[in-house]
Amino acid sequence: MLIKSANDMAYALGEYAGGSIANFANMMNKKAEELGCENTHFVNPCGLQDADHYTSAWDIYLIIK
């Protein structure tokens, strides 16, 4: 996902893994919660701007760790 693209692969992988983009976002949110993230909410697999798509530096650390 770190290569330049139109985010088509992120959406394709999200649909493949979750069955739908919405379900994949729910899966990502559940995993973030399991990792201890308190200020993260995903709405899509690519991270493109959305008012309900946010995170914090600490939560990014928890996800990467």
PDB file of N, CA and C in Angstrom:
ATOM      1  N   MET A   1       0.816  -1.188   0.000  1.00  0.00           N
ATOM      2  CA  MET A   1       0.000   0.000   0.000  1.00  0.00           C
ATOM      3  C   MET A   1       0.861   1.254   0.000  1.00  0.00           C
ATOM      4  N   LEU A   2       2.173   1.101   0.085  1.00  0.00           N
ATOM      5  CA  LEU A   2       3.040   2.261   0.153  1.00  0.00           C
ATOM      6  C   LEU A   2       3.471   2.783  -1.214  1.00  0.00           C
ATOM      7  N   ILE A   3       2.956   2.215  -2.279  1.00  0.00           N
ATOM      8  CA  ILE A   3       3.320   2.708  -3.606  1.00  0.00           C
ATOM      9  C   ILE A   3       2.252   3.668  -4.105  1.00  0.00           C
ATOM     10  N   LYS A   4       2.626   4.538  -5.029  1.00  0.00           N
ATOM     11  CA  LYS A   4       1.694   5.505  -5.587  1.00  0.00           C
ATOM     12  C   LYS A   4       0.593   4.762  -6.351  1.00  0.00           C
ATOM     13  N   SER A   5      -0.661   5.096  -6.034  1.00  0.00           N
ATOM     14  CA  SER A   5      -1.779   4.458  -6.724  1.00  0.00           C
ATOM     15  C   SER A   5      -3.015   5.325  -6.557  1.00  0.00           C
ATOM     16  N   ALA A   6      -4.077   4.909  -7.170  1.00  0.00           N
ATOM     17  CA  ALA A   6      -5.363   5.587  -7.010  1.00  0.00           C
ATOM     18  C   ALA A   6      -6.167   4.938  -5.880  1.00  0.00           C
ATOM     19  N   ASN A   7      -5.508   4.214  -5.026  1.00  0.00           N
ATOM     20  CA  ASN A   7      -6.103   3.519  -3.885  1.00  0.00           C
ATOM     21  C   ASN A   7      -7.015   2.373  -4.287  1.00  0.00           C
ATOM     22  N   ASP A   8      -6.965   1.990  -5.558  1.00  0.00           N
ATOM     23  CA  ASP A   8      -7.783   0.868  -6.015  1.00  0.00           C
ATOM     24  C   ASP A   8      -7.432  -0.412  -5.271  1.00  0.00           C
ATOM     25  N   MET A   9      -6.156  -0.642  -5.036  1.00  0.00           N
ATOM     26  CA  MET A   9      -5.748  -1.868  -4.340  1.00  0.00           C
ATOM     27  C   MET A   9      -6.220  -1.871  -2.891  1.00  0.00           C
ATOM     28  N   ALA A  10      -6.187  -0.730  -2.229  1.00  0.00           N
ATOM     29  CA  ALA A  10      -6.657  -0.672  -0.845  1.00  0.00           C
ATOM     30  C   ALA A  10      -8.131  -1.063  -0.778  1.00  0.00           C
ATOM     31  N   TYR A  11      -8.914  -0.543  -1.705  1.00  0.00           N
ATOM     32  CA  TYR A  11     -10.335  -0.886  -1.728  1.00  0.00           C
ATOM     33  C   TYR A  11     -10.544  -2.350  -2.115  1.00  0.00           C
ATOM     34  N   ALA A  12      -9.773  -2.844  -3.084  1.00  0.00           N
ATOM     35  CA  ALA A  12      -9.893  -4.246  -3.502  1.00  0.00           C
ATOM     36  C   ALA A  12      -9.541  -5.183  -2.342  1.00  0.00           C
ATOM     37  N   LEU A  13      -8.459  -4.892  -1.624  1.00  0.00           N
ATOM     38  CA  LEU A  13      -8.073  -5.719  -0.481  1.00  0.00           C
ATOM     39  C   LEU A  13      -9.106  -5.635   0.641  1.00  0.00           C
ATOM     40  N   GLY A  14      -9.646  -4.447   0.862  1.00  0.00           N
ATOM     41  CA  GLY A  14     -10.680  -4.280   1.884  1.00  0.00           C
ATOM     42  C   GLY A  14     -11.921  -5.088   1.567  1.00  0.00           C
ATOM     43  N   GLU A  15     -12.349  -5.045   0.310  1.00  0.00           N
ATOM     44  CA  GLU A  15     -13.521  -5.824  -0.095  1.00  0.00           C
ATOM     45  C   GLU A  15     -13.242  -7.323  -0.014  1.00  0.00           C
ATOM     46  N   TYR A  16     -12.038  -7.720  -0.385  1.00  0.00           N
ATOM     47  CA  TYR A  16     -11.679  -9.136  -0.334  1.00  0.00           C
ATOM     48  C   TYR A  16     -11.645  -9.641   1.114  1.00  0.00           C
ATOM     49  N   ALA A  17     -10.984  -8.891   1.977  1.00  0.00           N
ATOM     50  CA  ALA A  17     -10.810  -9.322   3.366  1.00  0.00           C
ATOM     51  C   ALA A  17     -12.090  -9.192   4.192  1.00  0.00           C
ATOM     52  N   GLY A  18     -12.871  -8.154   3.926  1.00  0.00           N
ATOM     53  CA  GLY A  18     -14.039  -7.899   4.759  1.00  0.00           C
ATOM     54  C   GLY A  18     -15.375  -8.165   4.111  1.00  0.00           C
ATOM     55  N   GLY A  19     -15.370  -8.421   2.808  1.00  0.00           N
ATOM     56  CA  GLY A  19     -16.618  -8.629   2.096  1.00  0.00           C
ATOM     57  C   GLY A  19     -17.239  -7.344   1.604  1.00  0.00           C
ATOM     58  N   SER A  20     -16.927  -6.250   2.278  1.00  0.00           N
ATOM     59  CA  SER A  20     -17.376  -4.914   1.875  1.00  0.00           C
ATOM     60  C   SER A  20     -16.457  -3.888   2.535  1.00  0.00           C
ATOM     61  N   ILE A  21     -16.460  -2.686   2.000  1.00  0.00           N
ATOM     62  CA  ILE A  21     -15.624  -1.622   2.581  1.00  0.00           C
ATOM     63  C   ILE A  21     -16.094  -1.317   4.004  1.00  0.00           C
ATOM     64  N   ALA A  22     -17.401  -1.231   4.198  1.00  0.00           N
ATOM     65  CA  ALA A  22     -17.932  -0.916   5.531  1.00  0.00           C
ATOM     66  C   ALA A  22     -17.541  -1.988   6.548  1.00  0.00           C
ATOM     67  N   ASN A  23     -17.650  -3.244   6.168  1.00  0.00           N
ATOM     68  CA  ASN A  23     -17.290  -4.313   7.103  1.00  0.00           C
ATOM     69  C   ASN A  23     -15.795  -4.311   7.383  1.00  0.00           C
ATOM     70  N   PHE A  24     -14.978  -4.036   6.365  1.00  0.00           N
ATOM     71  CA  PHE A  24     -13.537  -3.973   6.580  1.00  0.00           C
ATOM     72  C   PHE A  24     -13.185  -2.834   7.540  1.00  0.00           C
ATOM     73  N   ALA A  25     -13.841  -1.691   7.388  1.00  0.00           N
ATOM     74  CA  ALA A  25     -13.608  -0.576   8.314  1.00  0.00           C
ATOM     75  C   ALA A  25     -13.999  -0.984   9.732  1.00  0.00           C
ATOM     76  N   ASN A  26     -15.092  -1.710   9.874  1.00  0.00           N
ATOM     77  CA  ASN A  26     -15.485  -2.210  11.202  1.00  0.00           C
ATOM     78  C   ASN A  26     -14.433  -3.148  11.766  1.00  0.00           C
ATOM     79  N   MET A  27     -13.874  -4.010  10.906  1.00  0.00           N
ATOM     80  CA  MET A  27     -12.806  -4.910  11.347  1.00  0.00           C
ATOM     81  C   MET A  27     -11.584  -4.115  11.801  1.00  0.00           C
ATOM     82  N   MET A  28     -11.224  -3.066  11.053  1.00  0.00           N
ATOM     83  CA  MET A  28     -10.078  -2.231  11.426  1.00  0.00           C
ATOM     84  C   MET A  28     -10.337  -1.523  12.751  1.00  0.00           C
ATOM     85  N   ASN A  29     -11.544  -1.025  12.941  1.00  0.00           N
ATOM     86  CA  ASN A  29     -11.885  -0.355  14.204  1.00  0.00           C
ATOM     87  C   ASN A  29     -11.834  -1.321  15.383  1.00  0.00           C
ATOM     88  N   LYS A  30     -12.312  -2.530  15.183  1.00  0.00           N
ATOM     89  CA  LYS A  30     -12.252  -3.537  16.249  1.00  0.00           C
ATOM     90  C   LYS A  30     -10.803  -3.857  16.607  1.00  0.00           C
ATOM     91  N   LYS A  31      -9.959  -4.026  15.600  1.00  0.00           N
ATOM     92  CA  LYS A  31      -8.545  -4.325  15.846  1.00  0.00           C
ATOM     93  C   LYS A  31      -7.870  -3.163  16.569  1.00  0.00           C
ATOM     94  N   ALA A  32      -8.164  -1.932  16.152  1.00  0.00           N
ATOM     95  CA  ALA A  32      -7.589  -0.761  16.820  1.00  0.00           C
ATOM     96  C   ALA A  32      -7.982  -0.743  18.295  1.00  0.00           C
ATOM     97  N   GLU A  33      -9.240  -1.061  18.572  1.00  0.00           N
ATOM     98  CA  GLU A  33      -9.692  -1.114  19.961  1.00  0.00           C
ATOM     99  C   GLU A  33      -8.954  -2.199  20.736  1.00  0.00           C
ATOM    100  N   GLU A  34      -8.764  -3.372  20.117  1.00  0.00           N
ATOM    101  CA  GLU A  34      -8.036  -4.465  20.764  1.00  0.00           C
ATOM    102  C   GLU A  34      -6.598  -4.066  21.077  1.00  0.00           C
ATOM    103  N   LEU A  35      -6.015  -3.208  20.241  1.00  0.00           N
ATOM    104  CA  LEU A  35      -4.636  -2.755  20.447  1.00  0.00           C
ATOM    105  C   LEU A  35      -4.540  -1.646  21.484  1.00  0.00           C
ATOM    106  N   GLY A  36      -5.666  -1.164  21.980  1.00  0.00           N
ATOM    107  CA  GLY A  36      -5.666  -0.120  22.998  1.00  0.00           C
ATOM    108  C   GLY A  36      -5.829   1.279  22.451  1.00  0.00           C
ATOM    109  N   CYS A  37      -6.125   1.421  21.179  1.00  0.00           N
ATOM    110  CA  CYS A  37      -6.325   2.744  20.583  1.00  0.00           C
ATOM    111  C   CYS A  37      -7.601   3.360  21.133  1.00  0.00           C
ATOM    112  N   GLU A  38      -7.499   4.628  21.529  1.00  0.00           N
ATOM    113  CA  GLU A  38      -8.649   5.329  22.096  1.00  0.00           C
ATOM    114  C   GLU A  38      -9.095   6.512  21.253  1.00  0.00           C
ATOM    115  N   ASN A  39      -8.271   6.926  20.299  1.00  0.00           N
ATOM    116  CA  ASN A  39      -8.582   8.103  19.485  1.00  0.00           C
ATOM    117  C   ASN A  39      -8.454   7.792  18.002  1.00  0.00           C
ATOM    118  N   THR A  40      -8.955   6.625  17.598  1.00  0.00           N
ATOM    119  CA  THR A  40      -8.863   6.194  16.206  1.00  0.00           C
ATOM    120  C   THR A  40     -10.209   5.691  15.741  1.00  0.00           C
ATOM    121  N   HIS A  41     -10.573   6.081  14.538  1.00  0.00           N
ATOM    122  CA  HIS A  41     -11.790   5.576  13.899  1.00  0.00           C
ATOM    123  C   HIS A  41     -11.548   5.554  12.398  1.00  0.00           C
ATOM    124  N   PHE A  42     -11.746   4.394  11.795  1.00  0.00           N
ATOM    125  CA  PHE A  42     -11.552   4.217  10.358  1.00  0.00           C
ATOM    126  C   PHE A  42     -12.892   4.165   9.645  1.00  0.00           C
ATOM    127  N   VAL A  43     -12.937   4.689   8.419  1.00  0.00           N
ATOM    128  CA  VAL A  43     -14.137   4.589   7.582  1.00  0.00           C
ATOM    129  C   VAL A  43     -13.839   3.990   6.219  1.00  0.00           C
ATOM    130  N   ASN A  44     -12.546   3.883   5.882  1.00  0.00           N
ATOM    131  CA  ASN A  44     -12.153   3.288   4.609  1.00  0.00           C
ATOM    132  C   ASN A  44     -10.760   2.686   4.740  1.00  0.00           C
ATOM    133  N   PRO A  45     -10.366   1.823   3.813  1.00  0.00           N
ATOM    134  CA  PRO A  45      -9.072   1.154   3.936  1.00  0.00           C
ATOM    135  C   PRO A  45      -7.872   1.966   3.453  1.00  0.00           C
ATOM    136  N   CYS A  46      -8.113   3.110   2.808  1.00  0.00           N
ATOM    137  CA  CYS A  46      -6.982   3.835   2.233  1.00  0.00           C
ATOM    138  C   CYS A  46      -6.580   5.073   3.026  1.00  0.00           C
ATOM    139  N   GLY A  47      -7.422   5.550   3.911  1.00  0.00           N
ATOM    140  CA  GLY A  47      -7.071   6.705   4.715  1.00  0.00           C
ATOM    141  C   GLY A  47      -7.386   8.041   4.086  1.00  0.00           C
ATOM    142  N   LEU A  48      -8.088   8.044   2.955  1.00  0.00           N
ATOM    143  CA  LEU A  48      -8.454   9.324   2.348  1.00  0.00           C
ATOM    144  C   LEU A  48      -9.367  10.095   3.280  1.00  0.00           C
ATOM    145  N   GLN A  49      -9.304  11.399   3.180  1.00  0.00           N
ATOM    146  CA  GLN A  49      -9.984  12.299   4.104  1.00  0.00           C
ATOM    147  C   GLN A  49     -11.476  12.007   4.222  1.00  0.00           C
ATOM    148  N   ASP A  50     -11.913  11.933   5.442  1.00  0.00           N
ATOM    149  CA  ASP A  50     -13.315  11.818   5.797  1.00  0.00           C
ATOM    150  C   ASP A  50     -13.426  12.363   7.214  1.00  0.00           C
ATOM    151  N   ALA A  51     -14.452  13.090   7.503  1.00  0.00           N
ATOM    152  CA  ALA A  51     -14.603  13.706   8.829  1.00  0.00           C
ATOM    153  C   ALA A  51     -14.620  12.664   9.954  1.00  0.00           C
ATOM    154  N   ASP A  52     -15.050  11.448   9.658  1.00  0.00           N
ATOM    155  CA  ASP A  52     -15.112  10.400  10.676  1.00  0.00           C
ATOM    156  C   ASP A  52     -13.912   9.464  10.648  1.00  0.00           C
ATOM    157  N   HIS A  53     -12.884   9.817   9.903  1.00  0.00           N
ATOM    158  CA  HIS A  53     -11.666   8.999   9.788  1.00  0.00           C
ATOM    159  C   HIS A  53     -10.539   9.766  10.488  1.00  0.00           C
ATOM    160  N   TYR A  54     -10.129   9.297  11.656  1.00  0.00           N
ATOM    161  CA  TYR A  54      -9.130  10.034  12.435  1.00  0.00           C
ATOM    162  C   TYR A  54      -8.296   9.079  13.283  1.00  0.00           C
ATOM    163  N   THR A  55      -7.167   9.592  13.745  1.00  0.00           N
ATOM    164  CA  THR A  55      -6.305   8.853  14.651  1.00  0.00           C
ATOM    165  C   THR A  55      -5.416   9.847  15.391  1.00  0.00           C
ATOM    166  N   SER A  56      -4.595   9.339  16.285  1.00  0.00           N
ATOM    167  CA  SER A  56      -3.635  10.170  17.016  1.00  0.00           C
ATOM    168  C   SER A  56      -2.244   9.572  16.847  1.00  0.00           C
ATOM    169  N   ALA A  57      -1.248  10.353  17.176  1.00  0.00           N
ATOM    170  CA  ALA A  57       0.129   9.863  17.083  1.00  0.00           C
ATOM    171  C   ALA A  57       0.327   8.649  17.992  1.00  0.00           C
ATOM    172  N   TRP A  58      -0.239   8.698  19.193  1.00  0.00           N
ATOM    173  CA  TRP A  58      -0.097   7.569  20.114  1.00  0.00           C
ATOM    174  C   TRP A  58      -0.756   6.312  19.557  1.00  0.00           C
ATOM    175  N   ASP A  59      -1.931   6.461  18.987  1.00  0.00           N
ATOM    176  CA  ASP A  59      -2.612   5.299  18.431  1.00  0.00           C
ATOM    177  C   ASP A  59      -1.850   4.727  17.232  1.00  0.00           C
ATOM    178  N   ILE A  60      -1.255   5.582  16.418  1.00  0.00           N
ATOM    179  CA  ILE A  60      -0.424   5.098  15.311  1.00  0.00           C
ATOM    180  C   ILE A  60       0.732   4.283  15.865  1.00  0.00           C
ATOM    181  N   TYR A  61       1.335   4.763  16.953  1.00  0.00           N
ATOM    182  CA  TYR A  61       2.399   4.009  17.606  1.00  0.00           C
ATOM    183  C   TYR A  61       1.904   2.622  18.032  1.00  0.00           C
ATOM    184  N   LEU A  62       0.726   2.570  18.664  1.00  0.00           N
ATOM    185  CA  LEU A  62       0.181   1.291  19.106  1.00  0.00           C
ATOM    186  C   LEU A  62      -0.074   0.353  17.930  1.00  0.00           C
ATOM    187  N   ILE A  63      -0.568   0.889  16.833  1.00  0.00           N
ATOM    188  CA  ILE A  63      -0.840   0.073  15.646  1.00  0.00           C
ATOM    189  C   ILE A  63       0.452  -0.455  15.042  1.00  0.00           C
ATOM    190  N   ILE A  64       1.454   0.393  14.940  1.00  0.00           N
ATOM    191  CA  ILE A  64       2.737  -0.022  14.344  1.00  0.00           C
ATOM    192  C   ILE A  64       3.462  -1.006  15.245  1.00  0.00           C
ATOM    193  N   LYS A  65       3.395  -0.769  16.554  1.00  0.00           N
ATOM    194  CA  LYS A  65       4.081  -1.628  17.528  1.00  0.00           C
ATOM    195  C   LYS A  65       3.599  -3.045  17.383  1.00  0.00           C
TER     196      LYS A  65
END
